[in-house]
Amino acid sequence: MAATAVRYLRSVGAATTADRPPLEVLPRPDLRAVRDDERLPIDPAEFRRVLGHFASGVTVVTARDEDGPTGFACQSFASLSLDPPLVSFMVARTSTTWPRIARAGSFCVNILGAEQGALCRAFAVSGADKFAGVAYEEAPATGSPLLDSVPAWIDCRVHTVHTGGDHLIVVGRVEALGAAEEAEPLLFHRGVFGRFSR
């Protein structure tokens, strides 16, 4: 078939690939990493101050491994995908809680309500017994701690983990979830807790 097409093109005087001079190969561009002098110098304190203007909800991410319940306060939570149902959160690579969640392979995102600032502070402290005096039950799909009186919760299994600078981006596949009909969220803005007003 190809030979027939070439014969036809030659018979009508059209140029074929065989009649053309070979193409000159261009030199390959130099590939390099970004040099330090090309990076935008951003002061970490200024970075934190400016991004603090973005108000967010507050969650406590919990799990249960062989040593018992564990968890940490997290404001970098987001929905990711509807089909399949995926959510995500970010955690510092230096976190001592994350390795336990990774071992468990599952977690529950507890979305905090307007009156639960103290609960958030308790889970934000490193090295303390965060579950002291905290009532919870097992989330239905994974058995992760589902904290009492939270307005909403999402029970997940770890789906994938990506690196993101000094943090990890954890993607969870939703196995079960629930919410109260009437509940006000706990908000975090410029370093302080607040509430939503209609």
Protein backbone atom coordinates (compact mmCIF):
# COMPACT_ATOMS: atom_id res chain seq x y z
CA MET A 1 0.00 0.00 0.00
CA ALA A 2 2.75 2.43 0.99
CA ALA A 3 4.78 1.55 -2.12
CA THR A 4 1.73 2.20 -4.33
CA ALA A 5 1.22 5.63 -2.74
CA VAL A 6 4.88 6.55 -3.31
CA ARG A 7 4.66 5.46 -7.01
CA TYR A 8 1.54 7.58 -7.47
CA LEU A 9 3.11 10.67 -5.85
CA ARG A 10 6.19 10.34 -8.07
CA SER A 11 4.05 9.90 -11.20
CA VAL A 12 2.28 13.21 -10.57
CA GLY A 13 5.50 15.01 -9.71
CA ALA A 14 4.90 15.35 -5.96
CA ALA A 15 7.87 15.15 -3.63
CA THR A 16 8.19 12.14 -1.37
CA THR A 17 10.15 11.66 1.82
CA ALA A 18 12.83 9.80 -0.14
CA ASP A 19 13.29 12.83 -2.44
CA ARG A 20 13.80 15.33 0.39
CA PRO A 21 17.17 16.13 1.96
CA PRO A 22 17.61 14.73 5.48
CA LEU A 23 16.50 17.00 8.29
CA GLU A 24 19.18 18.61 10.40
CA VAL A 25 18.88 17.46 14.01
CA LEU A 26 18.78 20.40 16.40
CA PRO A 27 21.06 20.28 19.43
CA ARG A 28 19.43 18.99 22.60
CA PRO A 29 18.73 21.80 25.11
CA ASP A 30 20.66 21.79 28.34
CA LEU A 31 18.51 20.44 31.18
CA ARG A 32 19.32 21.81 34.63
CA ALA A 33 17.86 22.25 38.07
CA VAL A 34 16.79 25.62 39.44
CA ARG A 35 19.82 27.36 40.92
CA ASP A 36 19.69 28.88 44.39
CA ASP A 37 20.09 32.39 42.95
CA GLU A 38 16.95 31.82 40.83
CA ARG A 39 14.72 31.02 43.79
CA LEU A 40 12.42 33.73 45.05
CA PRO A 41 13.66 34.73 48.53
CA ILE A 42 10.62 34.40 50.80
CA ASP A 43 10.88 34.92 54.53
CA PRO A 44 9.11 32.02 56.30
CA ALA A 45 7.48 34.37 58.82
CA GLU A 46 6.11 36.54 55.99
CA PHE A 47 4.92 33.44 54.15
CA ARG A 48 3.02 32.31 57.23
CA ARG A 49 1.61 35.80 57.88
CA VAL A 50 0.26 36.26 54.37
CA LEU A 51 -1.20 32.77 54.08
CA GLY A 52 -2.81 33.24 57.49
CA HIS A 53 -5.31 35.50 55.75
CA PHE A 54 -6.89 32.39 54.24
CA ALA A 55 -9.60 31.24 56.66
CA SER A 56 -9.98 27.47 56.97
CA GLY A 57 -11.96 24.90 58.84
CA VAL A 58 -10.26 22.81 61.52
CA THR A 59 -10.11 19.03 61.83
CA VAL A 60 -8.56 16.36 64.00
CA VAL A 61 -7.18 13.44 62.00
CA THR A 62 -7.22 10.24 64.08
CA ALA A 63 -6.10 6.64 63.66
CA ARG A 64 -5.53 3.52 65.71
CA ASP A 65 -2.39 1.41 65.47
CA GLU A 66 -1.03 -1.38 67.66
CA ASP A 67 -0.13 1.18 70.35
CA GLY A 68 -3.63 2.62 70.58
CA PRO A 69 -5.32 5.81 69.38
CA THR A 70 -3.37 8.68 67.87
CA GLY A 71 -4.20 11.95 66.15
CA PHE A 72 -3.27 15.53 65.37
CA ALA A 73 -4.99 18.86 64.69
CA CYS A 74 -5.07 19.66 60.98
CA GLN A 75 -6.35 22.65 59.04
CA SER A 76 -4.95 21.58 55.65
CA PHE A 77 -7.83 19.24 54.85
CA ALA A 78 -9.77 19.32 51.57
CA SER A 79 -12.14 17.30 49.43
CA LEU A 80 -10.33 16.04 46.34
CA SER A 81 -12.54 13.86 44.14
CA LEU A 82 -16.17 12.82 43.90
CA ASP A 83 -15.63 9.72 41.75
CA PRO A 84 -13.88 7.95 43.34
CA PRO A 85 -14.56 9.68 46.67
CA LEU A 86 -11.19 11.05 47.80
CA VAL A 87 -10.07 13.59 50.41
CA SER A 88 -6.63 14.93 51.25
CA PHE A 89 -4.67 16.45 54.10
CA MET A 90 -1.12 17.67 54.52
CA VAL A 91 1.17 16.68 57.38
CA ALA A 92 4.71 17.80 58.24
CA ARG A 93 7.38 15.26 57.37
CA THR A 94 8.71 15.71 60.93
CA SER A 95 5.38 14.65 62.46
CA THR A 96 5.61 11.84 65.01
CA THR A 97 1.90 11.05 64.54
CA TRP A 98 2.06 10.47 60.79
CA PRO A 99 4.14 7.24 60.95
CA ARG A 100 1.48 5.75 63.23
CA ILE A 101 -1.31 6.74 60.83
CA ALA A 102 0.71 5.29 57.94
CA ARG A 103 1.13 2.00 59.85
CA ALA A 104 -2.60 1.89 60.54
CA GLY A 105 -3.32 2.47 56.85
CA SER A 106 -6.52 4.31 57.68
CA PHE A 107 -7.77 7.44 59.43
CA CYS A 108 -10.85 9.40 60.40
CA VAL A 109 -11.14 13.13 59.73
CA ASN A 110 -13.12 14.72 62.57
CA ILE A 111 -14.45 18.13 61.49
CA LEU A 112 -14.59 20.36 64.57
CA GLY A 113 -17.50 22.55 65.60
CA ALA A 114 -17.54 26.17 66.77
CA GLU A 115 -17.27 25.24 70.46
CA GLN A 116 -14.36 22.78 70.07
CA GLY A 117 -11.37 25.12 70.10
CA ALA A 118 -10.07 23.53 73.31
CA LEU A 119 -10.24 20.09 71.70
CA CYS A 120 -8.22 21.40 68.75
CA ARG A 121 -5.58 22.84 71.09
CA ALA A 122 -5.30 19.51 72.93
CA PHE A 123 -4.54 17.70 69.66
CA ALA A 124 -2.10 20.40 68.53
CA VAL A 125 0.29 19.70 71.41
CA SER A 126 3.20 17.41 70.60
CA GLY A 127 4.12 14.62 72.98
CA ALA A 128 1.06 14.88 75.26
CA ASP A 129 -1.63 12.25 75.88
CA LYS A 130 -4.05 13.79 73.42
CA PHE A 131 -6.85 11.36 74.20
CA ALA A 132 -6.88 12.00 77.96
CA GLY A 133 -10.51 12.69 78.86
CA VAL A 134 -11.62 12.63 75.21
CA ALA A 135 -14.66 10.46 74.47
CA TYR A 136 -14.80 8.63 71.16
CA GLU A 137 -16.14 5.55 69.43
CA GLU A 138 -14.86 3.47 66.54
CA ALA A 139 -15.55 4.76 63.03
CA PRO A 140 -17.64 2.15 61.20
CA ALA A 141 -15.30 1.22 58.33
CA THR A 142 -11.79 1.45 59.79
CA GLY A 143 -12.19 1.53 63.58
CA SER A 144 -10.32 4.85 63.75
CA PRO A 145 -11.37 7.11 66.65
CA LEU A 146 -14.52 9.07 65.86
CA LEU A 147 -14.61 11.88 68.41
CA ASP A 148 -17.84 12.56 70.30
CA SER A 149 -19.91 15.61 69.35
CA VAL A 150 -18.08 16.49 66.13
CA PRO A 151 -20.40 18.00 63.52
CA ALA A 152 -19.06 15.77 60.73
CA TRP A 153 -16.61 12.93 60.12
CA ILE A 154 -15.04 11.11 57.16
CA ASP A 155 -13.69 7.56 57.61
CA CYS A 156 -10.90 6.74 55.12
CA ARG A 157 -8.22 4.34 54.05
CA VAL A 158 -4.85 5.70 52.90
CA HIS A 159 -4.96 5.78 49.10
CA THR A 160 -1.68 7.49 48.10
CA VAL A 161 0.99 9.71 49.63
CA HIS A 162 2.95 12.38 47.73
CA THR A 163 5.85 14.58 48.78
CA GLY A 164 5.31 18.33 48.90
CA GLY A 165 8.40 20.14 50.16
CA ASP A 166 8.59 19.81 53.94
CA HIS A 167 5.12 18.19 54.05
CA LEU A 168 3.45 15.03 52.80
CA ILE A 169 0.20 15.14 50.84
CA VAL A 170 -1.97 12.26 52.03
CA VAL A 171 -4.89 11.13 49.87
CA GLY A 172 -7.58 9.03 51.51
CA ARG A 173 -10.35 6.99 49.92
CA VAL A 174 -13.64 7.60 51.73
CA GLU A 175 -15.24 4.46 53.16
CA ALA A 176 -17.94 6.06 55.33
CA LEU A 177 -19.01 9.52 56.47
CA GLY A 178 -21.67 11.37 58.39
CA ALA A 179 -22.75 14.81 59.60
CA ALA A 180 -25.15 16.48 61.99
CA GLU A 181 -27.93 18.48 60.38
CA GLU A 182 -27.36 21.70 62.34
CA ALA A 183 -23.80 22.51 63.37
CA GLU A 184 -21.58 25.59 63.18
CA PRO A 185 -17.95 25.06 62.06
CA LEU A 186 -14.82 26.03 63.94
CA LEU A 187 -12.80 28.43 61.78
CA PHE A 188 -9.15 29.43 61.95
CA HIS A 189 -7.99 32.82 60.66
CA ARG A 190 -4.76 34.77 61.30
CA GLY A 191 -3.79 32.61 64.26
CA VAL A 192 -7.11 32.68 66.14
CA PHE A 193 -10.31 30.64 66.21
CA GLY A 194 -13.57 32.15 65.03
CA ARG A 195 -17.04 31.19 63.98
CA PHE A 196 -19.25 31.60 60.98
CA SER A 197 -22.00 34.21 61.18
CA ARG A 198 -24.94 34.35 58.77
